[in-house]
């Protein structure tokens, strides 16, 4: 945590400026911004559920491709 002590005859604005500079150097705000929107890790149940959904969707797409209802994607 950034901390400063106000000097004698120092104005509040200059003390605030010094504190702001110390906070920036410590990287407190950049660290807080990085983790602000970080997503939680998925539970094992949700991972399995998503995996099963992907597998089912892939099978459905393959079935539709064999029937000629959709064209195959070609990776260039």
PDB file of N, CA and C in Angstrom:
ATOM      1  N   UNK A   1       0.845  -1.178   0.000  1.00  0.00           N
ATOM      2  CA  UNK A   1       0.000   0.000   0.000  1.00  0.00           C
ATOM      3  C   UNK A   1       0.889   1.239   0.000  1.00  0.00           C
ATOM      4  N   UNK A   2       0.533   2.220  -0.800  1.00  0.00           N
ATOM      5  CA  UNK A   2       1.299   3.459  -0.874  1.00  0.00           C
ATOM      6  C   UNK A   2       0.915   4.359   0.296  1.00  0.00           C
ATOM      7  N   UNK A   3       1.927   4.939   0.894  1.00  0.00           N
ATOM      8  CA  UNK A   3       1.664   5.799   2.048  1.00  0.00           C
ATOM      9  C   UNK A   3       2.665   6.944   2.049  1.00  0.00           C
ATOM     10  N   UNK A   4       2.204   8.131   2.366  1.00  0.00           N
ATOM     11  CA  UNK A   4       3.103   9.278   2.490  1.00  0.00           C
ATOM     12  C   UNK A   4       2.748  10.026   3.764  1.00  0.00           C
ATOM     13  N   UNK A   5       3.697  10.809   4.243  1.00  0.00           N
ATOM     14  CA  UNK A   5       3.429  11.695   5.371  1.00  0.00           C
ATOM     15  C   UNK A   5       3.603  13.127   4.885  1.00  0.00           C
ATOM     16  N   UNK A   6       2.673  13.944   5.250  1.00  0.00           N
ATOM     17  CA  UNK A   6       2.692  15.332   4.794  1.00  0.00           C
ATOM     18  C   UNK A   6       3.827  16.093   5.483  1.00  0.00           C
ATOM     19  N   UNK A   7       4.625  16.781   4.674  1.00  0.00           N
ATOM     20  CA  UNK A   7       5.735  17.579   5.210  1.00  0.00           C
ATOM     21  C   UNK A   7       5.200  18.866   5.823  1.00  0.00           C
ATOM     22  N   UNK A   8       6.041  19.485   6.616  1.00  0.00           N
ATOM     23  CA  UNK A   8       5.644  20.794   7.178  1.00  0.00           C
ATOM     24  C   UNK A   8       5.502  21.795   6.045  1.00  0.00           C
ATOM     25  N   UNK A   9       4.536  22.678   6.173  1.00  0.00           N
ATOM     26  CA  UNK A   9       4.264  23.741   5.193  1.00  0.00           C
ATOM     27  C   UNK A   9       3.991  23.198   3.782  1.00  0.00           C
ATOM     28  N   UNK A  10       3.553  21.959   3.667  1.00  0.00           N
ATOM     29  CA  UNK A  10       3.227  21.386   2.370  1.00  0.00           C
ATOM     30  C   UNK A  10       1.724  21.527   2.141  1.00  0.00           C
ATOM     31  N   UNK A  11       1.374  21.965   0.956  1.00  0.00           N
ATOM     32  CA  UNK A  11      -0.052  22.121   0.651  1.00  0.00           C
ATOM     33  C   UNK A  11      -0.688  20.745   0.437  1.00  0.00           C
ATOM     34  N   UNK A  12      -1.984  20.711   0.584  1.00  0.00           N
ATOM     35  CA  UNK A  12      -2.720  19.461   0.409  1.00  0.00           C
ATOM     36  C   UNK A  12      -2.605  18.967  -1.025  1.00  0.00           C
ATOM     37  N   UNK A  13      -2.654  19.901  -1.984  1.00  0.00           N
ATOM     38  CA  UNK A  13      -2.588  19.496  -3.380  1.00  0.00           C
ATOM     39  C   UNK A  13      -1.228  18.877  -3.723  1.00  0.00           C
ATOM     40  N   UNK A  14      -0.145  19.405  -3.177  1.00  0.00           N
ATOM     41  CA  UNK A  14       1.170  18.829  -3.472  1.00  0.00           C
ATOM     42  C   UNK A  14       1.323  17.466  -2.781  1.00  0.00           C
ATOM     43  N   UNK A  15       0.746  17.321  -1.595  1.00  0.00           N
ATOM     44  CA  UNK A  15       0.784  16.022  -0.917  1.00  0.00           C
ATOM     45  C   UNK A  15      -0.026  14.993  -1.708  1.00  0.00           C
ATOM     46  N   UNK A  16      -1.164  15.419  -2.223  1.00  0.00           N
ATOM     47  CA  UNK A  16      -1.996  14.537  -3.032  1.00  0.00           C
ATOM     48  C   UNK A  16      -1.275  14.138  -4.316  1.00  0.00           C
ATOM     49  N   UNK A  17      -0.583  15.095  -4.923  1.00  0.00           N
ATOM     50  CA  UNK A  17       0.186  14.829  -6.130  1.00  0.00           C
ATOM     51  C   UNK A  17       1.280  13.807  -5.841  1.00  0.00           C
ATOM     52  N   UNK A  18       1.956  13.933  -4.720  1.00  0.00           N
ATOM     53  CA  UNK A  18       3.002  13.003  -4.326  1.00  0.00           C
ATOM     54  C   UNK A  18       2.435  11.599  -4.076  1.00  0.00           C
ATOM     55  N   UNK A  19       1.279  11.564  -3.423  1.00  0.00           N
ATOM     56  CA  UNK A  19       0.620  10.288  -3.154  1.00  0.00           C
ATOM     57  C   UNK A  19       0.215   9.593  -4.458  1.00  0.00           C
ATOM     58  N   UNK A  20      -0.349  10.367  -5.386  1.00  0.00           N
ATOM     59  CA  UNK A  20      -0.769   9.819  -6.680  1.00  0.00           C
ATOM     60  C   UNK A  20       0.423   9.222  -7.421  1.00  0.00           C
ATOM     61  N   UNK A  21       1.541   9.929  -7.377  1.00  0.00           N
ATOM     62  CA  UNK A  21       2.754   9.458  -8.036  1.00  0.00           C
ATOM     63  C   UNK A  21       3.229   8.148  -7.393  1.00  0.00           C
ATOM     64  N   UNK A  22       3.167   8.071  -6.078  1.00  0.00           N
ATOM     65  CA  UNK A  22       3.593   6.871  -5.355  1.00  0.00           C
ATOM     66  C   UNK A  22       2.693   5.684  -5.699  1.00  0.00           C
ATOM     67  N   UNK A  23       1.397   5.941  -5.815  1.00  0.00           N
ATOM     68  CA  UNK A  23       0.447   4.878  -6.156  1.00  0.00           C
ATOM     69  C   UNK A  23       0.735   4.354  -7.563  1.00  0.00           C
ATOM     70  N   UNK A  24       1.012   5.255  -8.507  1.00  0.00           N
ATOM     71  CA  UNK A  24       1.315   4.839  -9.871  1.00  0.00           C
ATOM     72  C   UNK A  24       2.595   4.013  -9.926  1.00  0.00           C
ATOM     73  N   UNK A  25       3.597   4.414  -9.175  1.00  0.00           N
ATOM     74  CA  UNK A  25       4.857   3.684  -9.163  1.00  0.00           C
ATOM     75  C   UNK A  25       4.690   2.300  -8.551  1.00  0.00           C
ATOM     76  N   UNK A  26       3.815   2.191  -7.549  1.00  0.00           N
ATOM     77  CA  UNK A  26       3.592   0.900  -6.898  1.00  0.00           C
ATOM     78  C   UNK A  26       2.778  -0.041  -7.780  1.00  0.00           C
ATOM     79  N   UNK A  27       2.060   0.497  -8.772  1.00  0.00           N
ATOM     80  CA  UNK A  27       1.275  -0.340  -9.678  1.00  0.00           C
ATOM     81  C   UNK A  27      -0.026  -0.823  -9.077  1.00  0.00           C
ATOM     82  N   UNK A  28      -0.530  -0.131  -8.070  1.00  0.00           N
ATOM     83  CA  UNK A  28      -1.753  -0.542  -7.388  1.00  0.00           C
ATOM     84  C   UNK A  28      -2.950  -0.496  -8.339  1.00  0.00           C
ATOM     85  N   UNK A  29      -3.106   0.593  -9.056  1.00  0.00           N
ATOM     86  CA  UNK A  29      -4.263   0.747  -9.941  1.00  0.00           C
ATOM     87  C   UNK A  29      -4.208  -0.203 -11.125  1.00  0.00           C
ATOM     88  N   UNK A  30      -3.029  -0.379 -11.707  1.00  0.00           N
ATOM     89  CA  UNK A  30      -2.928  -1.274 -12.863  1.00  0.00           C
ATOM     90  C   UNK A  30      -3.271  -2.705 -12.459  1.00  0.00           C
ATOM     91  N   UNK A  31      -2.840  -3.118 -11.261  1.00  0.00           N
ATOM     92  CA  UNK A  31      -3.171  -4.454 -10.770  1.00  0.00           C
ATOM     93  C   UNK A  31      -4.674  -4.597 -10.542  1.00  0.00           C
ATOM     94  N   UNK A  32      -5.284  -3.560  -9.980  1.00  0.00           N
ATOM     95  CA  UNK A  32      -6.720  -3.597  -9.709  1.00  0.00           C
ATOM     96  C   UNK A  32      -7.515  -3.657 -11.010  1.00  0.00           C
ATOM     97  N   UNK A  33      -7.073  -2.929 -12.027  1.00  0.00           N
ATOM     98  CA  UNK A  33      -7.777  -2.937 -13.310  1.00  0.00           C
ATOM     99  C   UNK A  33      -7.653  -4.288 -14.005  1.00  0.00           C
ATOM    100  N   UNK A  34      -6.504  -4.949 -13.842  1.00  0.00           N
ATOM    101  CA  UNK A  34      -6.307  -6.253 -14.473  1.00  0.00           C
ATOM    102  C   UNK A  34      -7.290  -7.286 -13.928  1.00  0.00           C
ATOM    103  N   UNK A  35      -7.501  -7.281 -12.622  1.00  0.00           N
ATOM    104  CA  UNK A  35      -8.337  -8.319 -12.025  1.00  0.00           C
ATOM    105  C   UNK A  35      -9.803  -7.910 -11.913  1.00  0.00           C
ATOM    106  N   UNK A  36     -10.148  -6.711 -12.335  1.00  0.00           N
ATOM    107  CA  UNK A  36     -11.510  -6.208 -12.172  1.00  0.00           C
ATOM    108  C   UNK A  36     -12.536  -7.072 -12.897  1.00  0.00           C
ATOM    109  N   UNK A  37     -12.247  -7.476 -14.129  1.00  0.00           N
ATOM    110  CA  UNK A  37     -13.218  -8.217 -14.926  1.00  0.00           C
ATOM    111  C   UNK A  37     -12.790  -9.667 -15.153  1.00  0.00           C
ATOM    112  N   UNK A  38     -11.919 -10.177 -14.321  1.00  0.00           N
ATOM    113  CA  UNK A  38     -11.453 -11.548 -14.479  1.00  0.00           C
ATOM    114  C   UNK A  38     -12.603 -12.512 -14.188  1.00  0.00           C
ATOM    115  N   UNK A  39     -12.769 -13.481 -15.066  1.00  0.00           N
ATOM    116  CA  UNK A  39     -13.853 -14.450 -14.897  1.00  0.00           C
ATOM    117  C   UNK A  39     -13.419 -15.558 -13.934  1.00  0.00           C
ATOM    118  N   UNK A  40     -14.370 -16.099 -13.231  1.00  0.00           N
ATOM    119  CA  UNK A  40     -14.082 -17.217 -12.337  1.00  0.00           C
ATOM    120  C   UNK A  40     -13.787 -18.460 -13.154  1.00  0.00           C
ATOM    121  N   UNK A  41     -13.108 -19.406 -12.538  1.00  0.00           N
ATOM    122  CA  UNK A  41     -12.861 -20.673 -13.196  1.00  0.00           C
ATOM    123  C   UNK A  41     -14.159 -21.460 -13.207  1.00  0.00           C
ATOM    124  N   UNK A  42     -14.388 -22.171 -14.312  1.00  0.00           N
ATOM    125  CA  UNK A  42     -15.600 -22.976 -14.414  1.00  0.00           C
ATOM    126  C   UNK A  42     -15.499 -24.205 -13.522  1.00  0.00           C
ATOM    127  N   UNK A  43     -16.634 -24.612 -12.978  1.00  0.00           N
ATOM    128  CA  UNK A  43     -16.667 -25.830 -12.169  1.00  0.00           C
ATOM    129  C   UNK A  43     -16.523 -27.031 -13.099  1.00  0.00           C
ATOM    130  N   UNK A  44     -16.176 -28.183 -12.519  1.00  0.00           N
ATOM    131  CA  UNK A  44     -16.029 -29.399 -13.318  1.00  0.00           C
ATOM    132  C   UNK A  44     -17.338 -29.753 -14.004  1.00  0.00           C
ATOM    133  N   UNK A  45     -18.451 -29.550 -13.317  1.00  0.00           N
ATOM    134  CA  UNK A  45     -19.763 -29.853 -13.881  1.00  0.00           C
ATOM    135  C   UNK A  45     -20.008 -29.026 -15.143  1.00  0.00           C
ATOM    136  N   UNK A  46     -19.713 -27.735 -15.069  1.00  0.00           N
ATOM    137  CA  UNK A  46     -19.949 -26.864 -16.226  1.00  0.00           C
ATOM    138  C   UNK A  46     -18.995 -27.202 -17.372  1.00  0.00           C
ATOM    139  N   UNK A  47     -17.754 -27.567 -17.043  1.00  0.00           N
ATOM    140  CA  UNK A  47     -16.803 -27.960 -18.087  1.00  0.00           C
ATOM    141  C   UNK A  47     -17.315 -29.173 -18.840  1.00  0.00           C
ATOM    142  N   UNK A  48     -17.797 -30.181 -18.092  1.00  0.00           N
ATOM    143  CA  UNK A  48     -18.320 -31.395 -18.718  1.00  0.00           C
ATOM    144  C   UNK A  48     -19.550 -31.080 -19.557  1.00  0.00           C
ATOM    145  N   UNK A  49     -20.419 -30.253 -19.006  1.00  0.00           N
ATOM    146  CA  UNK A  49     -21.658 -29.894 -19.706  1.00  0.00           C
ATOM    147  C   UNK A  49     -21.339 -29.193 -21.032  1.00  0.00           C
ATOM    148  N   UNK A  50     -20.389 -28.256 -20.994  1.00  0.00           N
ATOM    149  CA  UNK A  50     -19.988 -27.550 -22.222  1.00  0.00           C
ATOM    150  C   UNK A  50     -19.333 -28.491 -23.223  1.00  0.00           C
ATOM    151  N   UNK A  51     -18.522 -29.417 -22.724  1.00  0.00           N
ATOM    152  CA  UNK A  51     -17.862 -30.377 -23.603  1.00  0.00           C
ATOM    153  C   UNK A  51     -18.894 -31.262 -24.288  1.00  0.00           C
ATOM    154  N   UNK A  52     -19.878 -31.736 -23.541  1.00  0.00           N
ATOM    155  CA  UNK A  52     -20.931 -32.574 -24.120  1.00  0.00           C
ATOM    156  C   UNK A  52     -21.749 -31.796 -25.144  1.00  0.00           C
ATOM    157  N   UNK A  53     -21.992 -30.529 -24.866  1.00  0.00           N
ATOM    158  CA  UNK A  53     -22.730 -29.682 -25.809  1.00  0.00           C
ATOM    159  C   UNK A  53     -21.940 -29.510 -27.110  1.00  0.00           C
ATOM    160  N   UNK A  54     -20.614 -29.307 -26.988  1.00  0.00           N
ATOM    161  CA  UNK A  54     -19.762 -29.172 -28.179  1.00  0.00           C
ATOM    162  C   UNK A  54     -19.767 -30.449 -29.009  1.00  0.00           C
ATOM    163  N   UNK A  55     -19.664 -31.600 -28.328  1.00  0.00           N
ATOM    164  CA  UNK A  55     -19.646 -32.887 -29.028  1.00  0.00           C
ATOM    165  C   UNK A  55     -20.961 -33.108 -29.762  1.00  0.00           C
ATOM    166  N   UNK A  56     -22.070 -32.814 -29.092  1.00  0.00           N
ATOM    167  CA  UNK A  56     -23.387 -32.992 -29.715  1.00  0.00           C
ATOM    168  C   UNK A  56     -23.542 -32.070 -30.913  1.00  0.00           C
ATOM    169  N   UNK A  57     -23.085 -30.833 -30.782  1.00  0.00           N
ATOM    170  CA  UNK A  57     -23.190 -29.866 -31.880  1.00  0.00           C
ATOM    171  C   UNK A  57     -22.336 -30.317 -33.071  1.00  0.00           C
ATOM    172  N   UNK A  58     -21.139 -30.831 -32.789  1.00  0.00           N
ATOM    173  CA  UNK A  58     -20.253 -31.300 -33.849  1.00  0.00           C
ATOM    174  C   UNK A  58     -20.889 -32.467 -34.608  1.00  0.00           C
ATOM    175  N   UNK A  59     -21.525 -33.400 -33.857  1.00  0.00           N
ATOM    176  CA  UNK A  59     -22.193 -34.534 -34.495  1.00  0.00           C
ATOM    177  C   UNK A  59     -23.349 -34.058 -35.367  1.00  0.00           C
ATOM    178  N   UNK A  60     -24.088 -33.081 -34.871  1.00  0.00           N
ATOM    179  CA  UNK A  60     -25.214 -32.526 -35.629  1.00  0.00           C
ATOM    180  C   UNK A  60     -24.732 -31.885 -36.935  1.00  0.00           C
ATOM    181  N   UNK A  61     -23.633 -31.156 -36.868  1.00  0.00           N
ATOM    182  CA  UNK A  61     -23.080 -30.507 -38.060  1.00  0.00           C
ATOM    183  C   UNK A  61     -22.604 -31.550 -39.064  1.00  0.00           C
ATOM    184  N   UNK A  62     -21.932 -32.600 -38.583  1.00  0.00           N
ATOM    185  CA  UNK A  62     -21.474 -33.659 -39.475  1.00  0.00           C
ATOM    186  C   UNK A  62     -22.660 -34.334 -40.155  1.00  0.00           C
ATOM    187  N   UNK A  63     -23.723 -34.563 -39.404  1.00  0.00           N
ATOM    188  CA  UNK A  63     -24.928 -35.191 -39.958  1.00  0.00           C
ATOM    189  C   UNK A  63     -25.525 -34.317 -41.066  1.00  0.00           C
ATOM    190  N   UNK A  64     -25.610 -33.009 -40.812  1.00  0.00           N
ATOM    191  CA  UNK A  64     -26.166 -32.091 -41.807  1.00  0.00           C
ATOM    192  C   UNK A  64     -25.276 -31.996 -43.047  1.00  0.00           C
ATOM    193  N   UNK A  65     -23.956 -32.090 -42.844  1.00  0.00           N
ATOM    194  CA  UNK A  65     -23.036 -32.059 -43.981  1.00  0.00           C
ATOM    195  C   UNK A  65     -23.216 -33.301 -44.848  1.00  0.00           C
ATOM    196  N   UNK A  66     -23.394 -34.466 -44.214  1.00  0.00           N
ATOM    197  CA  UNK A  66     -23.589 -35.699 -44.966  1.00  0.00           C
ATOM    198  C   UNK A  66     -24.887 -35.659 -45.759  1.00  0.00           C
ATOM    199  N   UNK A  67     -25.900 -34.997 -45.189  1.00  0.00           N
ATOM    200  CA  UNK A  67     -27.186 -34.885 -45.885  1.00  0.00           C
ATOM    201  C   UNK A  67     -27.153 -33.808 -46.967  1.00  0.00           C
ATOM    202  N   UNK A  68     -26.096 -32.993 -46.976  1.00  0.00           N
ATOM    203  CA  UNK A  68     -25.955 -31.946 -47.976  1.00  0.00           C
ATOM    204  C   UNK A  68     -26.731 -30.683 -47.640  1.00  0.00           C
ATOM    205  N   UNK A  69     -27.159 -30.551 -46.398  1.00  0.00           N
ATOM    206  CA  UNK A  69     -27.936 -29.373 -46.002  1.00  0.00           C
ATOM    207  C   UNK A  69     -27.027 -28.158 -45.758  1.00  0.00           C
ATOM    208  N   UNK A  70     -25.805 -28.426 -45.316  1.00  0.00           N
ATOM    209  CA  UNK A  70     -24.826 -27.340 -45.147  1.00  0.00           C
ATOM    210  C   UNK A  70     -23.518 -27.783 -45.797  1.00  0.00           C
ATOM    211  N   UNK A  71     -22.755 -26.789 -46.248  1.00  0.00           N
ATOM    212  CA  UNK A  71     -21.467 -27.090 -46.888  1.00  0.00           C
ATOM    213  C   UNK A  71     -20.391 -27.210 -45.849  1.00  0.00           C
ATOM    214  N   UNK A  72     -19.339 -27.968 -46.207  1.00  0.00           N
ATOM    215  CA  UNK A  72     -18.194 -28.112 -45.298  1.00  0.00           C
ATOM    216  C   UNK A  72     -17.391 -26.832 -45.268  1.00  0.00           C
ATOM    217  N   UNK A  73     -16.862 -26.558 -44.111  1.00  0.00           N
ATOM    218  CA  UNK A  73     -15.939 -25.423 -43.986  1.00  0.00           C
ATOM    219  C   UNK A  73     -14.557 -25.890 -44.361  1.00  0.00           C
ATOM    220  N   UNK A  74     -13.882 -25.065 -45.131  1.00  0.00           N
ATOM    221  CA  UNK A  74     -12.506 -25.405 -45.494  1.00  0.00           C
ATOM    222  C   UNK A  74     -11.581 -24.391 -44.842  1.00  0.00           C
ATOM    223  N   UNK A  75     -10.610 -24.891 -44.118  1.00  0.00           N
ATOM    224  CA  UNK A  75      -9.617 -24.024 -43.495  1.00  0.00           C
ATOM    225  C   UNK A  75      -8.564 -23.657 -44.514  1.00  0.00           C
ATOM    226  N   UNK A  76      -8.398 -22.365 -44.748  1.00  0.00           N
ATOM    227  CA  UNK A  76      -7.439 -21.918 -45.759  1.00  0.00           C
ATOM    228  C   UNK A  76      -6.073 -21.747 -45.168  1.00  0.00           C
TER     229      UNK A  76
END
